[in-house]
C-alpha atoms as a PDB file:
ATOM      1  CA  MET A   1      -6.445 -18.383   3.853  1.00  0.00           C
ATOM      2  CA  PRO A   2      -6.280 -16.785   0.378  1.00  0.00           C
ATOM      3  CA  PHE A   3      -7.034 -13.116   0.238  1.00  0.00           C
ATOM      4  CA  VAL A   4      -6.943 -10.253  -2.296  1.00  0.00           C
ATOM      5  CA  LEU A   5      -5.284  -7.059  -1.120  1.00  0.00           C
ATOM      6  CA  TYR A   6      -6.621  -4.425  -3.554  1.00  0.00           C
ATOM      7  CA  HIS A   7      -5.450  -0.804  -3.793  1.00  0.00           C
ATOM      8  CA  GLY A   8      -6.697   0.289  -7.216  1.00  0.00           C
ATOM      9  CA  GLN A   9      -8.488   3.463  -7.987  1.00  0.00           C
ATOM     10  CA  LYS A  10     -11.648   1.733  -9.287  1.00  0.00           C
ATOM     11  CA  SER A  11     -14.137  -0.204  -7.194  1.00  0.00           C
ATOM     12  CA  TRP A  12     -13.671  -3.977  -7.087  1.00  0.00           C
ATOM     13  CA  HIS A  13     -16.675  -5.725  -8.708  1.00  0.00           C
ATOM     14  CA  LEU A  14     -15.489  -9.270  -9.168  1.00  0.00           C
ATOM     15  CA  PRO A  15     -16.972 -12.256  -7.346  1.00  0.00           C
ATOM     16  CA  ASP A  16     -15.129 -13.665  -4.347  1.00  0.00           C
ATOM     17  CA  ASN A  17     -15.243 -17.235  -5.761  1.00  0.00           C
ATOM     18  CA  PHE A  18     -11.887 -17.830  -7.423  1.00  0.00           C
ATOM     19  CA  ASN A  19     -12.997 -20.274 -10.140  1.00  0.00           C
ATOM     20  CA  SER A  20     -15.711 -17.843 -11.273  1.00  0.00           C
ATOM     21  CA  LEU A  21     -12.909 -15.567 -12.537  1.00  0.00           C
ATOM     22  CA  PHE A  22     -12.167 -18.012 -15.391  1.00  0.00           C
ATOM     23  CA  ASP A  23     -13.990 -18.651 -18.625  1.00  0.00           C
ATOM     24  CA  LYS A  24     -16.310 -21.610 -18.200  1.00  0.00           C
ATOM     25  CA  THR A  25     -16.284 -22.514 -21.893  1.00  0.00           C
ATOM     26  CA  ASP A  26     -12.887 -24.217 -21.714  1.00  0.00           C
ATOM     27  CA  ILE A  27     -14.060 -27.599 -20.272  1.00  0.00           C
ATOM     28  CA  ALA A  28     -10.630 -29.157 -20.652  1.00  0.00           C
ATOM     29  CA  LEU A  29      -9.142 -26.743 -18.165  1.00  0.00           C
ATOM     30  CA  SER A  30     -12.049 -26.441 -15.744  1.00  0.00           C
ATOM     31  CA  SER A  31     -11.130 -29.470 -13.652  1.00  0.00           C
ATOM     32  CA  TYR A  32      -7.717 -27.870 -12.941  1.00  0.00           C
ATOM     33  CA  ILE A  33      -9.100 -24.606 -11.590  1.00  0.00           C
ATOM     34  CA  PRO A  34      -9.388 -24.742  -7.810  1.00  0.00           C
ATOM     35  CA  ALA A  35     -12.714 -23.918  -6.207  1.00  0.00           C
ATOM     36  CA  PHE A  36     -12.298 -21.671  -3.219  1.00  0.00           C
ATOM     37  CA  ARG A  37     -13.365 -18.275  -1.937  1.00  0.00           C
ATOM     38  CA  TYR A  38     -10.945 -15.538  -1.044  1.00  0.00           C
ATOM     39  CA  LYS A  39     -11.132 -12.854   1.540  1.00  0.00           C
ATOM     40  CA  PHE A  40     -11.250  -9.399  -0.048  1.00  0.00           C
ATOM     41  CA  CYS A  41      -9.451  -6.429   1.541  1.00  0.00           C
ATOM     42  CA  GLY A  42      -9.977  -3.111  -0.166  1.00  0.00           C
ATOM     43  CA  LEU A  43      -7.358  -0.763   1.306  1.00  0.00           C
ATOM     44  CA  ALA A  44      -9.315   2.374   0.133  1.00  0.00           C
ATOM     45  CA  LEU A  45     -12.212   1.266   2.344  1.00  0.00           C
ATOM     46  CA  LEU A  46     -10.073   0.373   5.373  1.00  0.00           C
ATOM     47  CA  GLU A  47      -9.979   2.766   8.270  1.00  0.00           C
ATOM     48  CA  PRO A  48      -6.388   3.821   9.164  1.00  0.00           C
ATOM     49  CA  VAL A  49      -6.878   2.777  12.837  1.00  0.00           C
ATOM     50  CA  LEU A  50      -7.434  -0.824  11.622  1.00  0.00           C
ATOM     51  CA  ILE A  51      -3.989  -0.948  10.003  1.00  0.00           C
ATOM     52  CA  ARG A  52      -1.951  -2.420  12.787  1.00  0.00           C
ATOM     53  CA  ASP A  53       0.944  -4.813  12.982  1.00  0.00           C
ATOM     54  CA  THR A  54       4.651  -4.313  12.756  1.00  0.00           C
ATOM     55  CA  VAL A  55       5.844  -0.800  11.794  1.00  0.00           C
ATOM     56  CA  ILE A  56       7.064  -2.066   8.403  1.00  0.00           C
ATOM     57  CA  SER A  57       3.704  -3.656   7.655  1.00  0.00           C
ATOM     58  CA  ARG A  58       1.898  -0.402   8.572  1.00  0.00           C
ATOM     59  CA  VAL A  59       4.187   1.663   6.365  1.00  0.00           C
ATOM     60  CA  CYS A  60       3.612  -0.608   3.427  1.00  0.00           C
ATOM     61  CA  LEU A  61      -0.141  -0.863   3.826  1.00  0.00           C
ATOM     62  CA  LEU A  62      -0.545   2.881   4.388  1.00  0.00           C
ATOM     63  CA  ALA A  63       1.662   3.613   1.402  1.00  0.00           C
ATOM     64  CA  LEU A  64      -0.564   1.390  -0.768  1.00  0.00           C
ATOM     65  CA  LYS A  65      -3.730   2.797   0.737  1.00  0.00           C
ATOM     66  CA  HIS A  66      -2.830   6.433  -0.014  1.00  0.00           C
ATOM     67  CA  ILE A  67      -0.941   6.186  -3.292  1.00  0.00           C
ATOM     68  CA  PHE A  68      -3.969   7.558  -5.257  1.00  0.00           C
ATOM     69  CA  ASP A  69      -4.853  10.274  -2.701  1.00  0.00           C
ATOM     70  CA  PRO A  70      -5.314  13.706  -4.333  1.00  0.00           C
ATOM     71  CA  ASN A  71      -2.615  15.101  -2.025  1.00  0.00           C
ATOM     72  CA  PRO A  72       0.147  12.500  -1.931  1.00  0.00           C
ATOM     73  CA  LYS A  73       2.503  14.931  -0.119  1.00  0.00           C
ATOM     74  CA  LYS A  74       0.144  15.153   2.804  1.00  0.00           C
ATOM     75  CA  ALA A  75      -0.359  11.339   2.850  1.00  0.00           C
ATOM     76  CA  LEU A  76       3.399  10.771   2.733  1.00  0.00           C
ATOM     77  CA  ALA A  77       3.937  13.286   5.540  1.00  0.00           C
ATOM     78  CA  GLU A  78       1.656  11.146   7.716  1.00  0.00           C
ATOM     79  CA  ILE A  79       3.503   7.947   6.841  1.00  0.00           C
ATOM     80  CA  LEU A  80       7.125   9.190   7.263  1.00  0.00           C
ATOM     81  CA  PRO A  81       7.047   9.403  11.052  1.00  0.00           C
ATOM     82  CA  LEU A  82       6.445   5.639  11.168  1.00  0.00           C
ATOM     83  CA  VAL A  83       9.796   5.096   9.358  1.00  0.00           C
ATOM     84  CA  ARG A  84      11.510   6.642  12.427  1.00  0.00           C
ATOM     85  CA  GLU A  85      10.062   3.859  14.586  1.00  0.00           C
ATOM     86  CA  ILE A  86      11.923   1.188  12.691  1.00  0.00           C
ATOM     87  CA  ILE A  87      14.684   0.195  15.110  1.00  0.00           C
ATOM     88  CA  ASN A  88      17.259  -1.053  12.602  1.00  0.00           C
ATOM     89  CA  ARG A  89      18.871   1.977  11.012  1.00  0.00           C
ATOM     90  CA  ASP A  90      19.720   0.165   7.767  1.00  0.00           C
ATOM     91  CA  ALA A  91      16.178  -1.173   7.417  1.00  0.00           C
ATOM     92  CA  ALA A  92      14.741   2.251   8.121  1.00  0.00           C
ATOM     93  CA  LEU A  93      16.896   3.838   5.430  1.00  0.00           C
ATOM     94  CA  GLU A  94      15.994   1.100   2.950  1.00  0.00           C
ATOM     95  CA  MET A  95      12.284   1.503   3.742  1.00  0.00           C
ATOM     96  CA  LEU A  96      12.544   5.320   3.328  1.00  0.00           C
ATOM     97  CA  GLU A  97      14.129   4.846  -0.044  1.00  0.00           C
ATOM     98  CA  VAL A  98      11.542   2.398  -1.238  1.00  0.00           C
ATOM     99  CA  LEU A  99       8.675   4.503   0.037  1.00  0.00           C
ATOM    100  CA  LEU A 100       9.925   7.693  -1.592  1.00  0.00           C
ATOM    101  CA  ARG A 101      10.668   5.885  -4.887  1.00  0.00           C
ATOM    102  CA  TYR A 102       7.175   4.343  -4.884  1.00  0.00           C
ATOM    103  CA  TYR A 103       5.483   7.686  -4.314  1.00  0.00           C
ATOM    104  CA  VAL A 104       7.640   9.641  -6.796  1.00  0.00           C
ATOM    105  CA  GLN A 105       7.213   7.034  -9.561  1.00  0.00           C
ATOM    106  CA  ASN A 106       3.492   6.352  -9.077  1.00  0.00           C
ATOM    107  CA  THR A 107       2.017   9.718  -8.169  1.00  0.00           C
ATOM    108  CA  GLN A 108       3.953  11.725 -10.740  1.00  0.00           C
ATOM    109  CA  THR A 109       3.124  14.899  -8.778  1.00  0.00           C
ATOM    110  CA  LEU A 110       5.892  14.814  -6.189  1.00  0.00           C
ATOM    111  CA  ASP A 111       9.169  16.352  -7.183  1.00  0.00           C
ATOM    112  CA  GLU A 112      12.677  16.722  -5.616  1.00  0.00           C
ATOM    113  CA  GLN A 113      11.584  19.849  -3.724  1.00  0.00           C
ATOM    114  CA  ASP A 114       8.539  18.076  -2.222  1.00  0.00           C
ATOM    115  CA  ILE A 115      10.723  15.192  -1.052  1.00  0.00           C
ATOM    116  CA  TYR A 116      13.304  17.595   0.455  1.00  0.00           C
ATOM    117  CA  GLU A 117      10.549  19.415   2.383  1.00  0.00           C
ATOM    118  CA  LEU A 118       9.012  16.166   3.650  1.00  0.00           C
ATOM    119  CA  ILE A 119      12.346  14.817   4.880  1.00  0.00           C
ATOM    120  CA  THR A 120      13.316  18.159   6.445  1.00  0.00           C
ATOM    121  CA  GLN A 121       9.913  18.367   8.184  1.00  0.00           C
ATOM    122  CA  SER A 122      10.256  14.791   9.445  1.00  0.00           C
ATOM    123  CA  ILE A 123      13.789  15.439  10.767  1.00  0.00           C
ATOM    124  CA  ASP A 124      12.683  18.668  12.467  1.00  0.00           C
ATOM    125  CA  GLU A 125       9.786  16.837  14.195  1.00  0.00           C
ATOM    126  CA  ALA A 126      12.186  14.077  15.354  1.00  0.00           C
ATOM    127  CA  LEU A 127      14.530  16.596  16.878  1.00  0.00           C
ATOM    128  CA  SER A 128      11.903  18.639  18.670  1.00  0.00           C
END
């Protein structure tokens, strides 16, 4: 089943019929455009309790959902404890690196000190 996983800042206002996304004036190409509907999933509208599955899936979906939050440090602090649930240590470290890079590069409000505080807080919570 085709679906669109959208995590943009603006509302999604496009139709859910795939072939309606193309210009109808090009008749030569129109027979090659498949006609189907897709399921739309707007992460901004999705309640956090509905984001379930494997830990890695939850980390990824929550990271996408909260990337544009006004307080990315708070959002990241809520996601980091999930990384501790990843059983494979190497996979957990890799996920942590990807998650932190994604937030630092895309929010442009988190700095080295913020990351240090988040990791320290996460470690302290794990040890207590």
